[in-house]
Amino acid sequence: MTDWNDITTALNAVLAGGPRLRALWKASHPAEHAQRCVLAHYLADLEPDLADEVRWDKIALEEFSQVHENDLSPVGIASAAGLAPSLHLNPGEGYRRQGHITRAREHLALGRTAAGTLGDDGYSTMIRKGLDGLGGRLDATDTHQRSRVPRHE
């Protein structure tokens, strides 16, 4: 049986993480692109507001553009390119939820291209499944929109 103390301890750690991540963001230097990329990536996940979530996702991508190959090794990412698929998956999903389907598809395509750098581990499988899921949701949106278009016969 799952212990309630374990659950509440884990939940408290998650809830306390938001203020700490925000404080670290404020303390970070603009030249610390790798650190700011990771912080923004996780801050996006903590946002209750979709617009703020997408804003953080965009910041993570902006910071990532200045990250060098080995800059993320302190957090267990041997090659910075390994983070790119996730950095595109998240705004892709956010844009889809906002109804910005073209933008969502652009990030899906970029994420799928970047996924070529992923290995065969659990993280890589999770990201590939996430990209496939986003693709499926976008296809379903396209199908739904086409079915609502009046036909002129």
Foldseek 3Di string as FASTA:
>chain_A
DDDVVVVVVVVVVVVVVQVVLVVVLVVDDPLLLLSLLVSLLVNLVVDPDLVSSLVSLVSSVVSLVNDAQCSNVVVPDRGSLQCLLVSLLRNLVSCVVVVVLVSSVVSLVRSVVSLVPDDPDPVSVVSVVSSVVSVVVSVVVVVVVVVPDDDDD
